[in-house]
Amino acid sequence: MSTATEQQFNETLGARILAARKRARITQDQLASAIGLSRSSVANIEAGRQSLSVVDALTICRLLGIGIDQLLGPETSAWSDVT
């Protein structure tokens, strides 16, 4: 995956995490504590500046009450170059 595509992927994923977190009415601090990351890491993930592990993604989904398919969502332009 190219750096630009990876950045787009991280930004899209982060925006979806942010939206789901807000819908769940959970703060960054609460999410960070629940998954064992710092609040700044959660902020960076939501901003697309930091990637996250599959385990952390699954944990976030469980905590926010969403499926991994909702987090990854339908194919978007950010995923178009992923093979």
N, C-alpha and C. Protein backbone atom coordinates (compact mmCIF):
# COMPACT_ATOMS: atom_id res chain seq x y z
N MET A 1 0.85 -1.16 0.00
CA MET A 1 0.00 0.00 0.00
C MET A 1 0.90 1.23 0.00
N SER A 2 0.61 2.17 -0.87
CA SER A 2 1.43 3.37 -0.92
C SER A 2 1.16 4.23 0.30
N THR A 3 2.10 5.13 0.57
CA THR A 3 1.97 6.00 1.73
C THR A 3 0.71 6.85 1.64
N ALA A 4 0.41 7.39 0.46
CA ALA A 4 -0.79 8.22 0.29
C ALA A 4 -2.04 7.39 0.54
N THR A 5 -2.07 6.18 0.01
CA THR A 5 -3.23 5.31 0.21
C THR A 5 -3.36 4.90 1.66
N GLU A 6 -2.25 4.60 2.30
CA GLU A 6 -2.28 4.25 3.72
C GLU A 6 -2.80 5.43 4.54
N GLN A 7 -2.39 6.63 4.21
CA GLN A 7 -2.87 7.82 4.91
C GLN A 7 -4.37 7.98 4.73
N GLN A 8 -4.86 7.80 3.51
CA GLN A 8 -6.30 7.90 3.26
C GLN A 8 -7.06 6.85 4.06
N PHE A 9 -6.52 5.63 4.07
CA PHE A 9 -7.15 4.54 4.82
C PHE A 9 -7.23 4.92 6.30
N ASN A 10 -6.11 5.38 6.88
CA ASN A 10 -6.08 5.75 8.29
C ASN A 10 -7.04 6.90 8.60
N GLU A 11 -7.14 7.87 7.69
CA GLU A 11 -8.04 8.99 7.90
C GLU A 11 -9.50 8.54 7.87
N THR A 12 -9.84 7.68 6.93
CA THR A 12 -11.21 7.18 6.84
C THR A 12 -11.55 6.34 8.06
N LEU A 13 -10.65 5.45 8.44
CA LEU A 13 -10.85 4.61 9.61
C LEU A 13 -10.99 5.47 10.86
N GLY A 14 -10.12 6.45 11.01
CA GLY A 14 -10.18 7.33 12.18
C GLY A 14 -11.48 8.11 12.26
N ALA A 15 -11.95 8.60 11.13
CA ALA A 15 -13.22 9.35 11.11
C ALA A 15 -14.38 8.45 11.51
N ARG A 16 -14.34 7.20 11.10
CA ARG A 16 -15.39 6.26 11.48
C ARG A 16 -15.34 5.93 12.96
N ILE A 17 -14.14 5.80 13.50
CA ILE A 17 -14.00 5.56 14.94
C ILE A 17 -14.53 6.76 15.72
N LEU A 18 -14.14 7.94 15.30
CA LEU A 18 -14.60 9.17 15.96
C LEU A 18 -16.12 9.24 15.96
N ALA A 19 -16.75 9.01 14.81
CA ALA A 19 -18.21 9.09 14.71
C ALA A 19 -18.87 8.05 15.61
N ALA A 20 -18.35 6.83 15.61
CA ALA A 20 -18.93 5.76 16.44
C ALA A 20 -18.73 6.07 17.92
N ARG A 21 -17.58 6.61 18.26
CA ARG A 21 -17.32 6.95 19.67
C ARG A 21 -18.28 8.03 20.14
N LYS A 22 -18.51 9.02 19.31
CA LYS A 22 -19.43 10.10 19.68
C LYS A 22 -20.86 9.57 19.80
N ARG A 23 -21.26 8.69 18.87
CA ARG A 23 -22.60 8.10 18.95
C ARG A 23 -22.76 7.30 20.25
N ALA A 24 -21.68 6.65 20.68
CA ALA A 24 -21.71 5.86 21.91
C ALA A 24 -21.56 6.73 23.16
N ARG A 25 -21.31 8.02 22.96
CA ARG A 25 -21.12 8.97 24.06
C ARG A 25 -20.00 8.54 25.01
N ILE A 26 -18.89 8.17 24.39
CA ILE A 26 -17.69 7.77 25.12
C ILE A 26 -16.61 8.80 24.83
N THR A 27 -15.89 9.22 25.85
CA THR A 27 -14.82 10.19 25.64
C THR A 27 -13.55 9.48 25.13
N GLN A 28 -12.64 10.27 24.61
CA GLN A 28 -11.35 9.71 24.21
C GLN A 28 -10.65 9.08 25.40
N ASP A 29 -10.73 9.73 26.55
CA ASP A 29 -10.11 9.18 27.76
C ASP A 29 -10.70 7.82 28.12
N GLN A 30 -12.01 7.70 28.06
CA GLN A 30 -12.67 6.44 28.40
C GLN A 30 -12.27 5.34 27.42
N LEU A 31 -12.26 5.66 26.12
CA LEU A 31 -11.88 4.68 25.12
C LEU A 31 -10.42 4.27 25.30
N ALA A 32 -9.57 5.25 25.51
CA ALA A 32 -8.14 4.97 25.69
C ALA A 32 -7.92 4.04 26.87
N SER A 33 -8.57 4.34 27.98
CA SER A 33 -8.42 3.52 29.17
C SER A 33 -8.90 2.09 28.92
N ALA A 34 -10.00 1.95 28.22
CA ALA A 34 -10.57 0.63 27.98
C ALA A 34 -9.72 -0.24 27.06
N ILE A 35 -8.96 0.39 26.15
CA ILE A 35 -8.14 -0.40 25.23
C ILE A 35 -6.65 -0.37 25.57
N GLY A 36 -6.30 0.35 26.62
CA GLY A 36 -4.92 0.36 27.06
C GLY A 36 -4.00 1.25 26.24
N LEU A 37 -4.55 2.32 25.69
CA LEU A 37 -3.75 3.30 24.95
C LEU A 37 -3.86 4.65 25.66
N SER A 38 -3.02 5.58 25.28
CA SER A 38 -3.12 6.93 25.82
C SER A 38 -4.21 7.69 25.08
N ARG A 39 -4.71 8.76 25.71
CA ARG A 39 -5.70 9.59 25.05
C ARG A 39 -5.13 10.20 23.77
N SER A 40 -3.86 10.56 23.81
CA SER A 40 -3.26 11.15 22.62
C SER A 40 -3.17 10.14 21.48
N SER A 41 -2.98 8.86 21.81
CA SER A 41 -3.00 7.82 20.76
C SER A 41 -4.37 7.72 20.13
N VAL A 42 -5.40 7.76 20.95
CA VAL A 42 -6.77 7.71 20.41
C VAL A 42 -7.02 8.93 19.53
N ALA A 43 -6.59 10.11 19.98
CA ALA A 43 -6.74 11.32 19.17
C ALA A 43 -6.00 11.19 17.85
N ASN A 44 -4.80 10.64 17.88
CA ASN A 44 -4.02 10.46 16.65
C ASN A 44 -4.67 9.43 15.72
N ILE A 45 -5.23 8.38 16.27
CA ILE A 45 -5.93 7.38 15.45
C ILE A 45 -7.14 8.02 14.79
N GLU A 46 -7.92 8.77 15.56
CA GLU A 46 -9.11 9.42 15.01
C GLU A 46 -8.75 10.45 13.94
N ALA A 47 -7.60 11.06 14.05
CA ALA A 47 -7.15 12.06 13.07
C ALA A 47 -6.45 11.42 11.88
N GLY A 48 -6.24 10.10 11.93
CA GLY A 48 -5.58 9.42 10.82
C GLY A 48 -4.07 9.52 10.85
N ARG A 49 -3.51 9.98 11.96
CA ARG A 49 -2.06 10.13 12.07
C ARG A 49 -1.38 8.88 12.62
N GLN A 50 -2.17 7.93 13.12
CA GLN A 50 -1.61 6.72 13.71
C GLN A 50 -2.48 5.54 13.30
N SER A 51 -1.83 4.46 12.90
CA SER A 51 -2.58 3.25 12.57
C SER A 51 -2.81 2.46 13.85
N LEU A 52 -3.66 1.46 13.76
CA LEU A 52 -3.92 0.65 14.93
C LEU A 52 -3.89 -0.81 14.55
N SER A 53 -3.67 -1.65 15.53
CA SER A 53 -3.59 -3.08 15.28
C SER A 53 -4.99 -3.65 15.06
N VAL A 54 -5.03 -4.82 14.48
CA VAL A 54 -6.30 -5.51 14.28
C VAL A 54 -6.96 -5.79 15.63
N VAL A 55 -6.16 -6.19 16.60
CA VAL A 55 -6.70 -6.47 17.94
C VAL A 55 -7.33 -5.21 18.52
N ASP A 56 -6.65 -4.07 18.41
CA ASP A 56 -7.21 -2.81 18.92
C ASP A 56 -8.48 -2.43 18.15
N ALA A 57 -8.49 -2.65 16.84
CA ALA A 57 -9.68 -2.34 16.04
C ALA A 57 -10.87 -3.19 16.50
N LEU A 58 -10.63 -4.48 16.72
CA LEU A 58 -11.70 -5.36 17.19
C LEU A 58 -12.18 -4.97 18.59
N THR A 59 -11.25 -4.58 19.45
CA THR A 59 -11.61 -4.15 20.80
C THR A 59 -12.44 -2.87 20.74
N ILE A 60 -12.03 -1.93 19.91
CA ILE A 60 -12.78 -0.69 19.74
C ILE A 60 -14.20 -1.00 19.25
N CYS A 61 -14.32 -1.88 18.29
CA CYS A 61 -15.65 -2.26 17.79
C CYS A 61 -16.52 -2.81 18.90
N ARG A 62 -15.95 -3.70 19.70
CA ARG A 62 -16.71 -4.30 20.80
C ARG A 62 -17.15 -3.22 21.79
N LEU A 63 -16.24 -2.33 22.14
CA LEU A 63 -16.56 -1.28 23.11
C LEU A 63 -17.60 -0.29 22.59
N LEU A 64 -17.56 -0.03 21.28
CA LEU A 64 -18.49 0.94 20.70
C LEU A 64 -19.77 0.30 20.20
N GLY A 65 -19.84 -1.03 20.29
CA GLY A 65 -21.05 -1.72 19.89
C GLY A 65 -21.27 -1.75 18.39
N ILE A 66 -20.18 -1.82 17.63
CA ILE A 66 -20.29 -1.89 16.17
C ILE A 66 -19.54 -3.12 15.67
N GLY A 67 -19.87 -3.55 14.48
CA GLY A 67 -19.16 -4.66 13.86
C GLY A 67 -17.95 -4.15 13.10
N ILE A 68 -17.00 -5.03 12.89
CA ILE A 68 -15.80 -4.65 12.13
C ILE A 68 -16.18 -4.20 10.72
N ASP A 69 -17.27 -4.77 10.18
CA ASP A 69 -17.72 -4.37 8.86
C ASP A 69 -18.21 -2.92 8.85
N GLN A 70 -18.78 -2.47 9.96
CA GLN A 70 -19.18 -1.07 10.05
C GLN A 70 -17.97 -0.15 10.13
N LEU A 71 -16.93 -0.61 10.79
CA LEU A 71 -15.72 0.19 10.92
C LEU A 71 -15.00 0.27 9.57
N LEU A 72 -14.87 -0.87 8.92
CA LEU A 72 -14.18 -0.89 7.63
C LEU A 72 -15.09 -0.41 6.51
N GLY A 73 -16.40 -0.65 6.67
CA GLY A 73 -17.39 -0.14 5.74
C GLY A 73 -17.24 -0.63 4.32
N PRO A 74 -18.13 -0.14 3.47
CA PRO A 74 -18.04 -0.50 2.06
C PRO A 74 -16.78 0.10 1.44
N GLU A 75 -16.38 -0.46 0.34
CA GLU A 75 -15.17 0.03 -0.34
C GLU A 75 -15.34 1.51 -0.66
N THR A 76 -14.30 2.27 -0.38
CA THR A 76 -14.27 3.69 -0.71
C THR A 76 -13.01 3.95 -1.51
N SER A 77 -12.82 5.18 -1.91
CA SER A 77 -11.62 5.51 -2.67
C SER A 77 -10.36 5.21 -1.88
N ALA A 78 -10.45 5.25 -0.56
CA ALA A 78 -9.28 4.96 0.27
C ALA A 78 -8.86 3.50 0.15
N TRP A 79 -9.78 2.63 -0.25
CA TRP A 79 -9.48 1.21 -0.35
C TRP A 79 -9.24 0.79 -1.81
N SER A 80 -9.43 1.68 -2.76
CA SER A 80 -9.41 1.29 -4.16
C SER A 80 -8.07 0.72 -4.62
N ASP A 81 -6.97 1.13 -4.00
CA ASP A 81 -5.66 0.65 -4.42
C ASP A 81 -5.15 -0.51 -3.59
N VAL A 82 -5.94 -0.97 -2.63
CA VAL A 82 -5.54 -2.06 -1.76
C VAL A 82 -5.78 -3.38 -2.49
N THR A 83 -4.73 -4.19 -2.57
CA THR A 83 -4.89 -5.49 -3.24
C THR A 83 -4.47 -6.60 -2.32
